[in-house]
PDB file of N, CA and C in Angstrom:
ATOM      1  N   MET A   1      -4.251 -10.210  44.198  1.00  0.00           N
ATOM      2  CA  MET A   1      -5.175 -10.384  43.205  1.00  0.00           C
ATOM      3  C   MET A   1      -5.641  -9.135  42.627  1.00  0.00           C
ATOM      4  N   LYS A   2      -5.742  -8.139  43.632  1.00  0.00           N
ATOM      5  CA  LYS A   2      -6.209  -6.750  43.119  1.00  0.00           C
ATOM      6  C   LYS A   2      -5.016  -6.160  42.051  1.00  0.00           C
ATOM      7  N   ILE A   3      -3.827  -6.337  42.633  1.00  0.00           N
ATOM      8  CA  ILE A   3      -2.748  -5.904  41.682  1.00  0.00           C
ATOM      9  C   ILE A   3      -2.513  -6.289  40.451  1.00  0.00           C
ATOM     10  N   LYS A   4      -2.865  -7.665  40.321  1.00  0.00           N
ATOM     11  CA  LYS A   4      -3.101  -8.374  39.201  1.00  0.00           C
ATOM     12  C   LYS A   4      -3.925  -7.807  38.002  1.00  0.00           C
ATOM     13  N   PHE A   5      -5.233  -7.772  38.821  1.00  0.00           N
ATOM     14  CA  PHE A   5      -6.227  -7.227  38.081  1.00  0.00           C
ATOM     15  C   PHE A   5      -6.219  -5.566  37.512  1.00  0.00           C
ATOM     16  N   LEU A   6      -5.484  -4.740  38.388  1.00  0.00           N
ATOM     17  CA  LEU A   6      -4.988  -3.678  37.835  1.00  0.00           C
ATOM     18  C   LEU A   6      -3.997  -3.444  36.841  1.00  0.00           C
ATOM     19  N   LEU A   7      -3.049  -4.352  37.010  1.00  0.00           N
ATOM     20  CA  LEU A   7      -1.852  -4.239  35.881  1.00  0.00           C
ATOM     21  C   LEU A   7      -2.462  -5.069  34.701  1.00  0.00           C
ATOM     22  N   SER A   8      -3.376  -5.923  34.501  1.00  0.00           N
ATOM     23  CA  SER A   8      -4.235  -6.395  33.431  1.00  0.00           C
ATOM     24  C   SER A   8      -4.870  -5.311  32.780  1.00  0.00           C
ATOM     25  N   PHE A   9      -5.875  -4.648  33.650  1.00  0.00           N
ATOM     26  CA  PHE A   9      -6.613  -3.659  33.070  1.00  0.00           C
ATOM     27  C   PHE A   9      -5.921  -2.542  32.542  1.00  0.00           C
ATOM     28  N   THR A  10      -4.625  -2.008  33.353  1.00  0.00           N
ATOM     29  CA  THR A  10      -3.930  -0.959  32.662  1.00  0.00           C
ATOM     30  C   THR A  10      -3.243  -1.452  31.354  1.00  0.00           C
ATOM     31  N   LEU A  11      -2.753  -2.584  31.216  1.00  0.00           N
ATOM     32  CA  LEU A  11      -2.154  -3.111  29.968  1.00  0.00           C
ATOM     33  C   LEU A  11      -3.227  -3.122  28.777  1.00  0.00           C
ATOM     34  N   LEU A  12      -4.363  -3.733  29.112  1.00  0.00           N
ATOM     35  CA  LEU A  12      -5.476  -3.826  28.134  1.00  0.00           C
ATOM     36  C   LEU A  12      -5.716  -2.406  27.847  1.00  0.00           C
ATOM     37  N   SER A  13      -6.015  -1.181  28.688  1.00  0.00           N
ATOM     38  CA  SER A  13      -6.243  -0.121  28.197  1.00  0.00           C
ATOM     39  C   SER A  13      -5.020   0.566  27.254  1.00  0.00           C
ATOM     40  N   PHE A  14      -3.973   0.339  27.780  1.00  0.00           N
ATOM     41  CA  PHE A  14      -2.930   0.800  26.992  1.00  0.00           C
ATOM     42  C   PHE A  14      -3.085   0.416  25.563  1.00  0.00           C
ATOM     43  N   LEU A  15      -3.255  -1.012  25.112  1.00  0.00           N
ATOM     44  CA  LEU A  15      -3.161  -1.708  23.835  1.00  0.00           C
ATOM     45  C   LEU A  15      -4.152  -1.167  23.033  1.00  0.00           C
ATOM     46  N   LEU A  16      -5.426  -0.972  23.721  1.00  0.00           N
ATOM     47  CA  LEU A  16      -6.489  -0.548  23.072  1.00  0.00           C
ATOM     48  C   LEU A  16      -6.333   1.047  22.472  1.00  0.00           C
ATOM     49  N   VAL A  17      -6.056   1.883  23.528  1.00  0.00           N
ATOM     50  CA  VAL A  17      -5.602   3.329  22.995  1.00  0.00           C
ATOM     51  C   VAL A  17      -4.640   3.466  22.033  1.00  0.00           C
ATOM     52  N   ASN A  18      -3.693   2.608  21.936  1.00  0.00           N
ATOM     53  CA  ASN A  18      -2.574   2.706  20.896  1.00  0.00           C
ATOM     54  C   ASN A  18      -2.873   1.834  19.947  1.00  0.00           C
ATOM     55  N   THR A  19      -3.864   1.288  19.615  1.00  0.00           N
ATOM     56  CA  THR A  19      -4.214   0.402  18.533  1.00  0.00           C
ATOM     57  C   THR A  19      -4.210   1.369  17.198  1.00  0.00           C
ATOM     58  N   VAL A  20      -3.455   0.944  16.093  1.00  0.00           N
ATOM     59  CA  VAL A  20      -3.328   1.906  14.987  1.00  0.00           C
ATOM     60  C   VAL A  20      -4.098   1.057  14.023  1.00  0.00           C
ATOM     61  N   ASP A  21      -4.711   1.717  13.145  1.00  0.00           N
ATOM     62  CA  ASP A  21      -5.565   1.164  11.743  1.00  0.00           C
ATOM     63  C   ASP A  21      -4.448   0.703  10.981  1.00  0.00           C
ATOM     64  N   ALA A  22      -4.569  -0.626  10.647  1.00  0.00           N
ATOM     65  CA  ALA A  22      -3.661  -1.126   9.532  1.00  0.00           C
ATOM     66  C   ALA A  22      -3.200  -0.500   8.367  1.00  0.00           C
ATOM     67  N   SER A  23      -4.354  -0.006   8.039  1.00  0.00           N
ATOM     68  CA  SER A  23      -4.469   0.620   6.623  1.00  0.00           C
ATOM     69  C   SER A  23      -3.382   2.132   6.542  1.00  0.00           C
ATOM     70  N   THR A  24      -3.249   2.500   7.791  1.00  0.00           N
ATOM     71  CA  THR A  24      -2.306   3.851   7.983  1.00  0.00           C
ATOM     72  C   THR A  24      -0.817   3.467   7.811  1.00  0.00           C
ATOM     73  N   ILE A  25      -0.342   2.064   8.023  1.00  0.00           N
ATOM     74  CA  ILE A  25       0.650   1.769   8.222  1.00  0.00           C
ATOM     75  C   ILE A  25       1.573   1.918   6.786  1.00  0.00           C
ATOM     76  N   PHE A  26       2.772   2.450   6.724  1.00  0.00           N
ATOM     77  CA  PHE A  26       3.423   2.237   5.663  1.00  0.00           C
ATOM     78  C   PHE A  26       4.140   0.857   5.692  1.00  0.00           C
ATOM     79  N   HIS A  27       3.934   0.146   4.800  1.00  0.00           N
ATOM     80  CA  HIS A  27       4.906  -1.263   4.724  1.00  0.00           C
ATOM     81  C   HIS A  27       5.916  -0.928   4.075  1.00  0.00           C
ATOM     82  N   ASP A  28       7.344  -1.242   4.323  1.00  0.00           N
ATOM     83  CA  ASP A  28       8.612  -1.046   3.615  1.00  0.00           C
ATOM     84  C   ASP A  28       8.744  -1.909   2.458  1.00  0.00           C
ATOM     85  N   VAL A  29       8.195  -1.445   1.205  1.00  0.00           N
ATOM     86  CA  VAL A  29       8.440  -2.314   0.004  1.00  0.00           C
ATOM     87  C   VAL A  29       9.358  -1.764  -0.812  1.00  0.00           C
ATOM     88  N   SER A  30      10.107  -1.035  -0.371  1.00  0.00           N
ATOM     89  CA  SER A  30      11.202  -0.120  -0.991  1.00  0.00           C
ATOM     90  C   SER A  30      12.281  -1.300  -1.525  1.00  0.00           C
ATOM     91  N   GLY A  31      12.769  -1.069  -2.994  1.00  0.00           N
ATOM     92  CA  GLY A  31      13.836  -1.738  -3.562  1.00  0.00           C
ATOM     93  C   GLY A  31      13.627  -1.447  -5.272  1.00  0.00           C
ATOM     94  N   THR A  32      14.456  -2.245  -5.733  1.00  0.00           N
ATOM     95  CA  THR A  32      14.462  -2.243  -7.143  1.00  0.00           C
ATOM     96  C   THR A  32      13.812  -3.383  -7.687  1.00  0.00           C
ATOM     97  N   TYR A  33      12.636  -3.457  -8.428  1.00  0.00           N
ATOM     98  CA  TYR A  33      12.075  -4.564  -9.008  1.00  0.00           C
ATOM     99  C   TYR A  33      12.282  -4.605 -10.563  1.00  0.00           C
ATOM    100  N   ASP A  34      12.035  -5.867 -10.858  1.00  0.00           N
ATOM    101  CA  ASP A  34      12.277  -6.041 -12.589  1.00  0.00           C
ATOM    102  C   ASP A  34      10.666  -6.124 -12.826  1.00  0.00           C
ATOM    103  N   PHE A  35      10.087  -5.336 -13.709  1.00  0.00           N
ATOM    104  CA  PHE A  35       8.892  -5.439 -14.005  1.00  0.00           C
ATOM    105  C   PHE A  35       8.485  -5.756 -15.598  1.00  0.00           C
ATOM    106  N   VAL A  36       7.332  -6.185 -15.908  1.00  0.00           N
ATOM    107  CA  VAL A  36       6.832  -6.538 -17.414  1.00  0.00           C
ATOM    108  C   VAL A  36       5.535  -6.024 -17.353  1.00  0.00           C
ATOM    109  N   VAL A  37       5.099  -5.260 -18.509  1.00  0.00           N
ATOM    110  CA  VAL A  37       3.885  -4.695 -18.782  1.00  0.00           C
ATOM    111  C   VAL A  37       3.376  -5.809 -19.891  1.00  0.00           C
ATOM    112  N   THR A  38       2.270  -6.506 -19.781  1.00  0.00           N
ATOM    113  CA  THR A  38       1.787  -7.451 -20.627  1.00  0.00           C
ATOM    114  C   THR A  38       0.447  -6.744 -21.207  1.00  0.00           C
ATOM    115  N   ASP A  39       0.113  -7.499 -22.229  1.00  0.00           N
ATOM    116  CA  ASP A  39      -1.292  -7.218 -22.925  1.00  0.00           C
ATOM    117  C   ASP A  39      -1.462  -5.917 -23.448  1.00  0.00           C
ATOM    118  N   ILE A  40      -0.226  -5.178 -24.039  1.00  0.00           N
ATOM    119  CA  ILE A  40      -0.363  -4.028 -24.621  1.00  0.00           C
ATOM    120  C   ILE A  40      -0.973  -4.142 -26.119  1.00  0.00           C
ATOM    121  N   PRO A  41      -1.878  -3.420 -26.586  1.00  0.00           N
ATOM    122  CA  PRO A  41      -2.535  -3.634 -28.024  1.00  0.00           C
ATOM    123  C   PRO A  41      -1.470  -3.384 -28.808  1.00  0.00           C
ATOM    124  N   ASP A  42      -1.148  -4.291 -29.646  1.00  0.00           N
ATOM    125  CA  ASP A  42      -0.321  -4.226 -31.116  1.00  0.00           C
ATOM    126  C   ASP A  42       0.940  -4.130 -30.649  1.00  0.00           C
ATOM    127  N   GLN A  43       1.737  -4.512 -29.308  1.00  0.00           N
ATOM    128  CA  GLN A  43       2.931  -4.293 -29.292  1.00  0.00           C
ATOM    129  C   GLN A  43       3.613  -5.546 -28.370  1.00  0.00           C
ATOM    130  N   ALA A  44       4.868  -5.587 -28.160  1.00  0.00           N
ATOM    131  CA  ALA A  44       5.448  -6.527 -27.347  1.00  0.00           C
ATOM    132  C   ALA A  44       5.401  -6.087 -26.077  1.00  0.00           C
ATOM    133  N   ASP A  45       5.617  -6.954 -25.054  1.00  0.00           N
ATOM    134  CA  ASP A  45       5.684  -6.658 -23.647  1.00  0.00           C
ATOM    135  C   ASP A  45       6.749  -5.777 -23.600  1.00  0.00           C
ATOM    136  N   VAL A  46       6.727  -4.870 -22.491  1.00  0.00           N
ATOM    137  CA  VAL A  46       7.837  -3.819 -22.015  1.00  0.00           C
ATOM    138  C   VAL A  46       8.150  -4.269 -20.488  1.00  0.00           C
ATOM    139  N   LYS A  47       9.526  -4.439 -20.787  1.00  0.00           N
ATOM    140  CA  LYS A  47      10.151  -4.690 -19.527  1.00  0.00           C
ATOM    141  C   LYS A  47      11.136  -3.563 -19.067  1.00  0.00           C
ATOM    142  N   GLY A  48      11.424  -3.449 -17.696  1.00  0.00           N
ATOM    143  CA  GLY A  48      12.352  -2.465 -17.209  1.00  0.00           C
ATOM    144  C   GLY A  48      12.571  -2.674 -15.551  1.00  0.00           C
ATOM    145  N   THR A  49      12.820  -1.512 -15.171  1.00  0.00           N
ATOM    146  CA  THR A  49      12.781  -1.570 -13.453  1.00  0.00           C
ATOM    147  C   THR A  49      11.859  -0.472 -13.010  1.00  0.00           C
ATOM    148  N   MET A  50      11.343  -1.040 -11.616  1.00  0.00           N
ATOM    149  CA  MET A  50      10.468  -0.191 -11.017  1.00  0.00           C
ATOM    150  C   MET A  50      11.251   0.114  -9.617  1.00  0.00           C
ATOM    151  N   ILE A  51      11.607   1.373  -9.514  1.00  0.00           N
ATOM    152  CA  ILE A  51      12.235   1.612  -8.128  1.00  0.00           C
ATOM    153  C   ILE A  51      11.339   2.337  -7.000  1.00  0.00           C
ATOM    154  N   VAL A  52      11.134   1.542  -6.072  1.00  0.00           N
ATOM    155  CA  VAL A  52      10.153   2.158  -4.983  1.00  0.00           C
ATOM    156  C   VAL A  52      10.927   2.709  -3.788  1.00  0.00           C
ATOM    157  N   SER A  53      10.877   3.781  -3.468  1.00  0.00           N
ATOM    158  CA  SER A  53      11.479   4.415  -2.355  1.00  0.00           C
ATOM    159  C   SER A  53      10.288   5.204  -1.233  1.00  0.00           C
ATOM    160  N   LYS A  54      10.956   5.696  -0.275  1.00  0.00           N
ATOM    161  CA  LYS A  54       9.956   6.452   0.632  1.00  0.00           C
ATOM    162  C   LYS A  54      10.926   7.706   0.747  1.00  0.00           C
ATOM    163  N   GLU A  55       9.979   8.643   0.580  1.00  0.00           N
ATOM    164  CA  GLU A  55      10.454   9.905   0.556  1.00  0.00           C
ATOM    165  C   GLU A  55       9.528  10.981   1.365  1.00  0.00           C
ATOM    166  N   ASN A  56      10.071  11.572   2.396  1.00  0.00           N
ATOM    167  CA  ASN A  56       9.458  12.275   3.406  1.00  0.00           C
ATOM    168  C   ASN A  56       8.096  11.621   3.843  1.00  0.00           C
ATOM    169  N   GLY A  57       8.174  10.326   4.101  1.00  0.00           N
ATOM    170  CA  GLY A  57       7.003   9.885   4.465  1.00  0.00           C
ATOM    171  C   GLY A  57       6.026   9.025   3.537  1.00  0.00           C
ATOM    172  N   ALA A  58       6.273   9.548   2.105  1.00  0.00           N
ATOM    173  CA  ALA A  58       5.476   9.131   1.165  1.00  0.00           C
ATOM    174  C   ALA A  58       6.073   8.463   0.172  1.00  0.00           C
ATOM    175  N   VAL A  59       5.321   7.371  -0.536  1.00  0.00           N
ATOM    176  CA  VAL A  59       5.965   6.496  -1.343  1.00  0.00           C
ATOM    177  C   VAL A  59       6.324   7.298  -2.768  1.00  0.00           C
ATOM    178  N   LYS A  60       7.595   6.683  -3.279  1.00  0.00           N
ATOM    179  CA  LYS A  60       7.982   7.337  -4.816  1.00  0.00           C
ATOM    180  C   LYS A  60       8.284   6.155  -5.550  1.00  0.00           C
ATOM    181  N   VAL A  61       7.702   6.072  -6.977  1.00  0.00           N
ATOM    182  CA  VAL A  61       7.882   5.065  -7.785  1.00  0.00           C
ATOM    183  C   VAL A  61       8.116   5.685  -9.032  1.00  0.00           C
ATOM    184  N   ILE A  62       9.309   4.935  -9.533  1.00  0.00           N
ATOM    185  CA  ILE A  62      10.014   5.603 -10.853  1.00  0.00           C
ATOM    186  C   ILE A  62       9.973   4.118 -11.706  1.00  0.00           C
ATOM    187  N   PHE A  63       9.573   4.189 -12.941  1.00  0.00           N
ATOM    188  CA  PHE A  63       9.684   3.016 -13.840  1.00  0.00           C
ATOM    189  C   PHE A  63      10.727   3.666 -15.014  1.00  0.00           C
ATOM    190  N   SER A  64      11.521   2.800 -15.131  1.00  0.00           N
ATOM    191  CA  SER A  64      12.514   3.036 -16.098  1.00  0.00           C
ATOM    192  C   SER A  64      12.551   1.651 -17.096  1.00  0.00           C
ATOM    193  N   SER A  65      12.788   2.212 -18.317  1.00  0.00           N
ATOM    194  CA  SER A  65      12.903   1.090 -19.495  1.00  0.00           C
ATOM    195  C   SER A  65      13.503   1.699 -20.779  1.00  0.00           C
ATOM    196  N   SER A  66      13.656   0.935 -21.685  1.00  0.00           N
ATOM    197  CA  SER A  66      14.355   1.513 -22.804  1.00  0.00           C
ATOM    198  C   SER A  66      13.589   2.832 -23.423  1.00  0.00           C
ATOM    199  N   ALA A  67      12.479   2.856 -23.059  1.00  0.00           N
ATOM    200  CA  ALA A  67      11.569   4.169 -23.477  1.00  0.00           C
ATOM    201  C   ALA A  67      11.928   5.446 -22.807  1.00  0.00           C
ATOM    202  N   GLY A  68      12.478   5.249 -21.517  1.00  0.00           N
ATOM    203  CA  GLY A  68      12.780   6.383 -20.730  1.00  0.00           C
ATOM    204  C   GLY A  68      12.545   6.127 -19.099  1.00  0.00           C
ATOM    205  N   GLU A  69      12.388   7.323 -18.534  1.00  0.00           N
ATOM    206  CA  GLU A  69      12.084   7.115 -17.040  1.00  0.00           C
ATOM    207  C   GLU A  69      10.690   8.010 -16.739  1.00  0.00           C
ATOM    208  N   ILE A  70       9.798   7.407 -16.072  1.00  0.00           N
ATOM    209  CA  ILE A  70       8.483   8.010 -15.628  1.00  0.00           C
ATOM    210  C   ILE A  70       8.243   7.842 -14.058  1.00  0.00           C
ATOM    211  N   GLU A  71       7.953   9.018 -13.703  1.00  0.00           N
ATOM    212  CA  GLU A  71       7.453   8.849 -12.148  1.00  0.00           C
ATOM    213  C   GLU A  71       6.286   8.785 -12.033  1.00  0.00           C
ATOM    214  N   LEU A  72       5.689   7.996 -11.202  1.00  0.00           N
ATOM    215  CA  LEU A  72       4.212   7.488 -10.846  1.00  0.00           C
ATOM    216  C   LEU A  72       3.654   8.797 -10.011  1.00  0.00           C
ATOM    217  N   GLN A  73       2.861   9.534 -10.533  1.00  0.00           N
ATOM    218  CA  GLN A  73       2.047  10.767  -9.873  1.00  0.00           C
ATOM    219  C   GLN A  73       1.041  10.470  -9.000  1.00  0.00           C
ATOM    220  N   ASP A  74       0.892  10.963  -7.916  1.00  0.00           N
ATOM    221  CA  ASP A  74      -0.115  10.668  -6.887  1.00  0.00           C
ATOM    222  C   ASP A  74      -0.021   9.458  -6.351  1.00  0.00           C
ATOM    223  N   ALA A  75       1.148   8.820  -6.139  1.00  0.00           N
ATOM    224  CA  ALA A  75       1.360   7.496  -5.560  1.00  0.00           C
ATOM    225  C   ALA A  75       0.950   7.380  -4.257  1.00  0.00           C
ATOM    226  N   LYS A  76       0.078   6.429  -3.958  1.00  0.00           N
ATOM    227  CA  LYS A  76      -0.275   6.158  -2.597  1.00  0.00           C
ATOM    228  C   LYS A  76       0.012   4.765  -2.151  1.00  0.00           C
ATOM    229  N   LEU A  77       0.407   4.548  -1.233  1.00  0.00           N
ATOM    230  CA  LEU A  77       0.532   2.989  -0.523  1.00  0.00           C
ATOM    231  C   LEU A  77      -0.542   2.830   0.643  1.00  0.00           C
ATOM    232  N   ASP A  78      -1.425   2.057   0.506  1.00  0.00           N
ATOM    233  CA  ASP A  78      -2.233   1.946   1.436  1.00  0.00           C
ATOM    234  C   ASP A  78      -2.298   0.333   1.960  1.00  0.00           C
ATOM    235  N   GLY A  79      -1.678   0.056   2.821  1.00  0.00           N
ATOM    236  CA  GLY A  79      -1.297  -1.232   3.291  1.00  0.00           C
ATOM    237  C   GLY A  79      -0.358  -1.761   2.416  1.00  0.00           C
ATOM    238  N   HIS A  80      -0.905  -2.720   1.532  1.00  0.00           N
ATOM    239  CA  HIS A  80       0.251  -3.341   0.610  1.00  0.00           C
ATOM    240  C   HIS A  80      -0.606  -2.981  -0.917  1.00  0.00           C
ATOM    241  N   LYS A  81      -1.286  -1.947  -0.948  1.00  0.00           N
ATOM    242  CA  LYS A  81      -1.857  -1.810  -2.222  1.00  0.00           C
ATOM    243  C   LYS A  81      -1.381  -0.171  -2.645  1.00  0.00           C
ATOM    244  N   LEU A  82      -0.868  -0.271  -3.997  1.00  0.00           N
ATOM    245  CA  LEU A  82      -0.287   0.818  -4.658  1.00  0.00           C
ATOM    246  C   LEU A  82      -1.205   1.470  -5.730  1.00  0.00           C
ATOM    247  N   THR A  83      -1.231   2.765  -5.787  1.00  0.00           N
ATOM    248  CA  THR A  83      -2.135   3.282  -6.421  1.00  0.00           C
ATOM    249  C   THR A  83      -1.666   4.411  -7.089  1.00  0.00           C
ATOM    250  N   GLY A  84      -1.653   4.956  -8.473  1.00  0.00           N
ATOM    251  CA  GLY A  84      -1.045   6.274  -9.034  1.00  0.00           C
ATOM    252  C   GLY A  84      -1.534   6.439 -10.440  1.00  0.00           C
ATOM    253  N   LYS A  85      -0.833   7.364 -10.963  1.00  0.00           N
ATOM    254  CA  LYS A  85      -1.115   7.682 -12.319  1.00  0.00           C
ATOM    255  C   LYS A  85       0.071   8.253 -12.899  1.00  0.00           C
ATOM    256  N   PHE A  86       0.212   8.098 -14.383  1.00  0.00           N
ATOM    257  CA  PHE A  86       1.170   8.649 -15.151  1.00  0.00           C
ATOM    258  C   PHE A  86       0.811   8.910 -16.492  1.00  0.00           C
ATOM    259  N   GLU A  87       1.549   9.482 -17.467  1.00  0.00           N
ATOM    260  CA  GLU A  87       0.855   9.795 -18.835  1.00  0.00           C
ATOM    261  C   GLU A  87       2.006   9.555 -19.735  1.00  0.00           C
ATOM    262  N   VAL A  88       1.707   8.847 -20.722  1.00  0.00           N
ATOM    263  CA  VAL A  88       2.870   8.221 -21.705  1.00  0.00           C
ATOM    264  C   VAL A  88       2.204   8.551 -23.312  1.00  0.00           C
ATOM    265  N   GLN A  89       2.909   9.585 -23.993  1.00  0.00           N
ATOM    266  CA  GLN A  89       2.370  10.008 -25.179  1.00  0.00           C
ATOM    267  C   GLN A  89       0.986  10.532 -25.210  1.00  0.00           C
ATOM    268  N   GLY A  90       0.597  11.353 -24.267  1.00  0.00           N
ATOM    269  CA  GLY A  90      -0.745  11.865 -24.203  1.00  0.00           C
ATOM    270  C   GLY A  90      -1.849  11.243 -23.595  1.00  0.00           C
ATOM    271  N   VAL A  91      -1.299   9.813 -23.355  1.00  0.00           N
ATOM    272  CA  VAL A  91      -2.482   8.931 -22.792  1.00  0.00           C
ATOM    273  C   VAL A  91      -2.133   8.749 -21.377  1.00  0.00           C
ATOM    274  N   GLN A  92      -3.283   8.993 -20.487  1.00  0.00           N
ATOM    275  CA  GLN A  92      -3.254   8.723 -19.099  1.00  0.00           C
ATOM    276  C   GLN A  92      -3.595   7.343 -18.744  1.00  0.00           C
ATOM    277  N   ILE A  93      -2.585   6.825 -17.648  1.00  0.00           N
ATOM    278  CA  ILE A  93      -2.511   5.714 -17.371  1.00  0.00           C
ATOM    279  C   ILE A  93      -2.629   5.524 -15.705  1.00  0.00           C
ATOM    280  N   LYS A  94      -3.618   4.923 -15.209  1.00  0.00           N
ATOM    281  CA  LYS A  94      -3.806   4.445 -13.742  1.00  0.00           C
ATOM    282  C   LYS A  94      -3.423   2.977 -13.529  1.00  0.00           C
ATOM    283  N   LEU A  95      -2.369   3.381 -12.439  1.00  0.00           N
ATOM    284  CA  LEU A  95      -1.934   1.782 -11.881  1.00  0.00           C
ATOM    285  C   LEU A  95      -2.827   1.615 -10.438  1.00  0.00           C
ATOM    286  N   LYS A  96      -3.034   0.307 -10.462  1.00  0.00           N
ATOM    287  CA  LYS A  96      -3.355  -0.189  -9.307  1.00  0.00           C
ATOM    288  C   LYS A  96      -2.852  -1.414  -8.960  1.00  0.00           C
ATOM    289  N   GLY A  97      -2.265  -1.871  -7.835  1.00  0.00           N
ATOM    290  CA  GLY A  97      -1.769  -3.040  -7.763  1.00  0.00           C
ATOM    291  C   GLY A  97      -1.317  -3.329  -6.323  1.00  0.00           C
ATOM    292  N   THR A  98      -0.878  -4.654  -5.882  1.00  0.00           N
ATOM    293  CA  THR A  98      -0.793  -5.156  -4.679  1.00  0.00           C
ATOM    294  C   THR A  98       0.588  -5.763  -4.174  1.00  0.00           C
ATOM    295  N   PHE A  99       1.417  -5.549  -3.564  1.00  0.00           N
ATOM    296  CA  PHE A  99       2.638  -6.159  -3.052  1.00  0.00           C
ATOM    297  C   PHE A  99       2.284  -7.450  -2.206  1.00  0.00           C
ATOM    298  N   SER A 100       3.242  -8.424  -2.557  1.00  0.00           N
ATOM    299  CA  SER A 100       2.859  -9.659  -1.761  1.00  0.00           C
ATOM    300  C   SER A 100       4.254 -10.422  -1.510  1.00  0.00           C
ATOM    301  N   GLY A 101       4.983 -10.247  -0.391  1.00  0.00           N
ATOM    302  CA  GLY A 101       6.466 -10.779  -0.298  1.00  0.00           C
ATOM    303  C   GLY A 101       7.297  -9.823  -1.259  1.00  0.00           C
ATOM    304  N   LYS A 102       7.945 -10.538  -2.121  1.00  0.00           N
ATOM    305  CA  LYS A 102       8.573 -10.019  -2.952  1.00  0.00           C
ATOM    306  C   LYS A 102       8.208  -9.723  -4.395  1.00  0.00           C
ATOM    307  N   GLU A 103       7.074  -9.811  -4.526  1.00  0.00           N
ATOM    308  CA  GLU A 103       6.220  -9.542  -5.905  1.00  0.00           C
ATOM    309  C   GLU A 103       5.212  -8.659  -5.635  1.00  0.00           C
ATOM    310  N   PHE A 104       5.035  -8.017  -6.936  1.00  0.00           N
ATOM    311  CA  PHE A 104       4.044  -7.030  -7.182  1.00  0.00           C
ATOM    312  C   PHE A 104       3.111  -7.603  -8.249  1.00  0.00           C
ATOM    313  N   GLU A 105       1.842  -7.410  -8.265  1.00  0.00           N
ATOM    314  CA  GLU A 105       0.817  -7.767  -9.255  1.00  0.00           C
ATOM    315  C   GLU A 105      -0.027  -6.759  -9.498  1.00  0.00           C
ATOM    316  N   GLY A 106      -0.349  -6.308 -10.644  1.00  0.00           N
ATOM    317  CA  GLY A 106      -1.222  -5.055 -10.941  1.00  0.00           C
ATOM    318  C   GLY A 106      -1.906  -4.959 -12.293  1.00  0.00           C
ATOM    319  N   GLN A 107      -2.486  -3.703 -12.448  1.00  0.00           N
ATOM    320  CA  GLN A 107      -3.145  -3.562 -13.642  1.00  0.00           C
ATOM    321  C   GLN A 107      -3.089  -2.142 -13.959  1.00  0.00           C
ATOM    322  N   LEU A 108      -2.638  -1.832 -15.108  1.00  0.00           N
ATOM    323  CA  LEU A 108      -2.838  -0.409 -15.816  1.00  0.00           C
ATOM    324  C   LEU A 108      -3.966  -0.215 -16.646  1.00  0.00           C
ATOM    325  N   ASP A 109      -4.707   0.799 -16.276  1.00  0.00           N
ATOM    326  CA  ASP A 109      -6.094   1.124 -17.071  1.00  0.00           C
ATOM    327  C   ASP A 109      -5.708   2.402 -18.004  1.00  0.00           C
ATOM    328  N   THR A 110      -6.332   2.361 -19.025  1.00  0.00           N
ATOM    329  CA  THR A 110      -6.179   3.257 -19.974  1.00  0.00           C
ATOM    330  C   THR A 110      -7.462   3.456 -20.679  1.00  0.00           C
ATOM    331  N   GLU A 111      -7.621   4.492 -21.593  1.00  0.00           N
ATOM    332  CA  GLU A 111      -8.765   4.490 -22.317  1.00  0.00           C
ATOM    333  C   GLU A 111      -8.969   3.554 -23.445  1.00  0.00           C
ATOM    334  N   PHE A 112      -8.001   2.857 -23.852  1.00  0.00           N
ATOM    335  CA  PHE A 112      -7.871   1.528 -24.695  1.00  0.00           C
ATOM    336  C   PHE A 112      -8.140   0.437 -23.888  1.00  0.00           C
ATOM    337  N   GLY A 113      -8.281   0.170 -22.903  1.00  0.00           N
ATOM    338  CA  GLY A 113      -8.344  -1.184 -22.249  1.00  0.00           C
ATOM    339  C   GLY A 113      -7.114  -1.227 -20.961  1.00  0.00           C
ATOM    340  N   ALA A 114      -7.323  -2.403 -20.686  1.00  0.00           N
ATOM    341  CA  ALA A 114      -6.319  -2.703 -19.359  1.00  0.00           C
ATOM    342  C   ALA A 114      -5.045  -3.544 -19.761  1.00  0.00           C
ATOM    343  N   MET A 115      -4.007  -3.297 -19.158  1.00  0.00           N
ATOM    344  CA  MET A 115      -2.824  -4.046 -19.372  1.00  0.00           C
ATOM    345  C   MET A 115      -2.244  -4.748 -17.784  1.00  0.00           C
ATOM    346  N   GLY A 116      -1.700  -5.723 -18.012  1.00  0.00           N
ATOM    347  CA  GLY A 116      -1.194  -6.150 -16.804  1.00  0.00           C
ATOM    348  C   GLY A 116       0.262  -6.019 -16.495  1.00  0.00           C
ATOM    349  N   VAL A 117       0.686  -5.925 -15.136  1.00  0.00           N
ATOM    350  CA  VAL A 117       1.853  -5.287 -14.680  1.00  0.00           C
ATOM    351  C   VAL A 117       2.371  -6.395 -13.581  1.00  0.00           C
ATOM    352  N   SER A 118       3.595  -7.000 -13.759  1.00  0.00           N
ATOM    353  CA  SER A 118       4.145  -7.778 -12.680  1.00  0.00           C
ATOM    354  C   SER A 118       5.481  -7.357 -12.321  1.00  0.00           C
ATOM    355  N   ALA A 119       6.016  -7.451 -11.140  1.00  0.00           N
ATOM    356  CA  ALA A 119       7.446  -7.235 -10.848  1.00  0.00           C
ATOM    357  C   ALA A 119       7.853  -8.055  -9.740  1.00  0.00           C
ATOM    358  N   THR A 120       9.112  -8.249  -9.605  1.00  0.00           N
ATOM    359  CA  THR A 120       9.703  -8.994  -8.592  1.00  0.00           C
ATOM    360  C   THR A 120      10.808  -8.284  -8.048  1.00  0.00           C
ATOM    361  N   LEU A 121      11.079  -8.306  -6.847  1.00  0.00           N
ATOM    362  CA  LEU A 121      12.026  -7.675  -6.330  1.00  0.00           C
ATOM    363  C   LEU A 121      13.145  -8.061  -6.480  1.00  0.00           C
ATOM    364  N   ARG A 122      14.350  -7.488  -6.594  1.00  0.00           N
ATOM    365  CA  ARG A 122      15.844  -8.086  -7.054  1.00  0.00           C
ATOM    366  C   ARG A 122      16.493  -8.616  -5.883  1.00  0.00           C
TER     367      ARG A 122
END
């Protein structure tokens, strides 16, 4: 009986000491996604690919479309939430969104308003 108690106590202590805050875990969302940006003022939707990778423990995101390639700056992945920013023709754009399974849903905020962005893992 005493041995079972000690084993249980030791196991419980080990689990409590080694518990990690879930927000610090890098969820592997790496891959190539097909994206579409909607709600662009006076323009058609923009489609392309979003390549998500992990480099030196950090997330790296590159958007590619017929307009060219843009890398997300200050990219952060906190749990399933992705944030970052980039610039297009002098306009600062902030990205915030969430990965869920093979899907990404987010928003692009600019001085002119918000646009929707969604993506699906290939």
